[in-house]
């Protein structure tokens, strides 16, 4: 690699640390959001398992109330991260 090829990167890291750090932070947040979506998808599977054996009316109602919220939130996260812009 030519010494000149590294100049733009050196310039960015030396004089524009804020944007480079911002990009690193955004990447970290994106990974956290994807992990959250995966965890929520797993929880939806658990909810479906519990739903099969639910006998108490309160538990049935809680499942009924939480399922759409979990689905909507998971879908929003997936759309947000796929768009990369947050417009859904």
C-alpha atoms as a PDB file:
ATOM      1  CA  UNK A   1       0.000   0.000   0.000  1.00  0.00           C
ATOM      2  CA  UNK A   2       1.307   3.374  -0.967  1.00  0.00           C
ATOM      3  CA  UNK A   3       1.980   5.870   1.848  1.00  0.00           C
ATOM      4  CA  UNK A   4      -0.364   8.265   0.048  1.00  0.00           C
ATOM      5  CA  UNK A   5      -3.213   5.756   0.218  1.00  0.00           C
ATOM      6  CA  UNK A   6      -3.168   5.952   4.002  1.00  0.00           C
ATOM      7  CA  UNK A   7      -3.330   9.757   4.093  1.00  0.00           C
ATOM      8  CA  UNK A   8      -7.139  10.062   3.880  1.00  0.00           C
ATOM      9  CA  UNK A   9      -7.575   7.597   6.739  1.00  0.00           C
ATOM     10  CA  UNK A  10      -4.913   9.358   8.796  1.00  0.00           C
ATOM     11  CA  UNK A  11      -6.635  12.665   8.127  1.00  0.00           C
ATOM     12  CA  UNK A  12     -10.024  11.282   9.163  1.00  0.00           C
ATOM     13  CA  UNK A  13      -8.785   9.666  12.336  1.00  0.00           C
ATOM     14  CA  UNK A  14      -6.595  12.572  13.390  1.00  0.00           C
ATOM     15  CA  UNK A  15      -8.796  15.554  12.559  1.00  0.00           C
ATOM     16  CA  UNK A  16     -12.273  14.058  12.556  1.00  0.00           C
ATOM     17  CA  UNK A  17     -12.369  11.696  15.514  1.00  0.00           C
ATOM     18  CA  UNK A  18     -15.965  12.557  16.276  1.00  0.00           C
ATOM     19  CA  UNK A  19     -17.414  11.197  13.010  1.00  0.00           C
ATOM     20  CA  UNK A  20     -15.243   8.055  13.145  1.00  0.00           C
ATOM     21  CA  UNK A  21     -16.247   7.418  16.753  1.00  0.00           C
ATOM     22  CA  UNK A  22     -19.866   8.098  15.852  1.00  0.00           C
ATOM     23  CA  UNK A  23     -19.718   5.440  13.141  1.00  0.00           C
ATOM     24  CA  UNK A  24     -18.188   2.954  15.575  1.00  0.00           C
ATOM     25  CA  UNK A  25     -20.891   3.725  18.119  1.00  0.00           C
ATOM     26  CA  UNK A  26     -23.620   3.336  15.490  1.00  0.00           C
ATOM     27  CA  UNK A  27     -22.248  -0.051  14.497  1.00  0.00           C
ATOM     28  CA  UNK A  28     -22.276  -1.134  18.142  1.00  0.00           C
ATOM     29  CA  UNK A  29     -25.872   0.069  18.579  1.00  0.00           C
ATOM     30  CA  UNK A  30     -26.941  -1.725  15.405  1.00  0.00           C
ATOM     31  CA  UNK A  31     -25.496  -4.972  16.750  1.00  0.00           C
ATOM     32  CA  UNK A  32     -27.330  -4.480  20.046  1.00  0.00           C
ATOM     33  CA  UNK A  33     -30.609  -3.834  18.235  1.00  0.00           C
ATOM     34  CA  UNK A  34     -30.192  -6.978  16.126  1.00  0.00           C
ATOM     35  CA  UNK A  35     -29.472  -8.985  19.270  1.00  0.00           C
ATOM     36  CA  UNK A  36     -32.609  -7.545  20.832  1.00  0.00           C
ATOM     37  CA  UNK A  37     -34.679  -8.558  17.798  1.00  0.00           C
ATOM     38  CA  UNK A  38     -33.287 -12.104  17.941  1.00  0.00           C
ATOM     39  CA  UNK A  39     -34.038 -12.345  21.656  1.00  0.00           C
ATOM     40  CA  UNK A  40     -37.556 -11.052  21.128  1.00  0.00           C
ATOM     41  CA  UNK A  41     -38.136 -13.608  18.361  1.00  0.00           C
ATOM     42  CA  UNK A  42     -37.069 -16.350  20.791  1.00  0.00           C
ATOM     43  CA  UNK A  43     -39.435 -14.979  23.417  1.00  0.00           C
ATOM     44  CA  UNK A  44     -42.284 -15.104  20.900  1.00  0.00           C
ATOM     45  CA  UNK A  45     -41.553 -18.803  20.471  1.00  0.00           C
ATOM     46  CA  UNK A  46     -41.681 -19.276  24.243  1.00  0.00           C
ATOM     47  CA  UNK A  47     -44.957 -17.367  24.423  1.00  0.00           C
ATOM     48  CA  UNK A  48     -46.441 -19.723  21.850  1.00  0.00           C
ATOM     49  CA  UNK A  49     -45.292 -22.719  23.914  1.00  0.00           C
ATOM     50  CA  UNK A  50     -46.823 -21.309  27.102  1.00  0.00           C
ATOM     51  CA  UNK A  51     -50.008 -20.388  25.234  1.00  0.00           C
ATOM     52  CA  UNK A  52     -50.659 -24.073  24.480  1.00  0.00           C
ATOM     53  CA  UNK A  53     -50.804 -24.945  28.178  1.00  0.00           C
ATOM     54  CA  UNK A  54     -52.284 -21.759  29.645  1.00  0.00           C
ATOM     55  CA  UNK A  55     -55.296 -22.453  31.829  1.00  0.00           C
ATOM     56  CA  UNK A  56     -55.626 -19.307  33.940  1.00  0.00           C
ATOM     57  CA  UNK A  57     -57.704 -16.549  32.377  1.00  0.00           C
ATOM     58  CA  UNK A  58     -55.189 -13.928  33.539  1.00  0.00           C
ATOM     59  CA  UNK A  59     -52.303 -15.746  31.858  1.00  0.00           C
ATOM     60  CA  UNK A  60     -54.313 -16.153  28.657  1.00  0.00           C
ATOM     61  CA  UNK A  61     -55.111 -12.426  28.682  1.00  0.00           C
ATOM     62  CA  UNK A  62     -51.491 -11.488  29.372  1.00  0.00           C
ATOM     63  CA  UNK A  63     -50.367 -13.603  26.425  1.00  0.00           C
ATOM     64  CA  UNK A  64     -53.057 -12.058  24.243  1.00  0.00           C
ATOM     65  CA  UNK A  65     -51.934  -8.558  25.250  1.00  0.00           C
ATOM     66  CA  UNK A  66     -48.169  -9.049  24.943  1.00  0.00           C
ATOM     67  CA  UNK A  67     -48.008 -11.040  21.687  1.00  0.00           C
ATOM     68  CA  UNK A  68     -48.972  -8.210  19.294  1.00  0.00           C
ATOM     69  CA  UNK A  69     -46.660  -5.795  21.107  1.00  0.00           C
ATOM     70  CA  UNK A  70     -43.726  -8.197  20.799  1.00  0.00           C
ATOM     71  CA  UNK A  71     -44.507  -8.894  17.132  1.00  0.00           C
ATOM     72  CA  UNK A  72     -44.847  -5.199  16.275  1.00  0.00           C
ATOM     73  CA  UNK A  73     -41.641  -4.298  18.084  1.00  0.00           C
ATOM     74  CA  UNK A  74     -39.683  -7.120  16.461  1.00  0.00           C
ATOM     75  CA  UNK A  75     -40.995  -6.173  13.014  1.00  0.00           C
ATOM     76  CA  UNK A  76     -40.122  -2.521  13.575  1.00  0.00           C
ATOM     77  CA  UNK A  77     -36.564  -3.400  14.595  1.00  0.00           C
ATOM     78  CA  UNK A  78     -36.102  -5.659  11.567  1.00  0.00           C
ATOM     79  CA  UNK A  79     -37.481  -3.018   9.186  1.00  0.00           C
ATOM     80  CA  UNK A  80     -35.395  -0.288  10.819  1.00  0.00           C
ATOM     81  CA  UNK A  81     -32.171  -2.226  10.545  1.00  0.00           C
ATOM     82  CA  UNK A  82     -32.887  -3.420   7.000  1.00  0.00           C
ATOM     83  CA  UNK A  83     -33.684   0.120   5.808  1.00  0.00           C
ATOM     84  CA  UNK A  84     -30.713   1.569   7.600  1.00  0.00           C
ATOM     85  CA  UNK A  85     -32.665   4.804   7.790  1.00  0.00           C
ATOM     86  CA  UNK A  86     -35.349   4.123  10.321  1.00  0.00           C
ATOM     87  CA  UNK A  87     -38.252   4.932   8.024  1.00  0.00           C
ATOM     88  CA  UNK A  88     -40.937   2.319   8.134  1.00  0.00           C
END
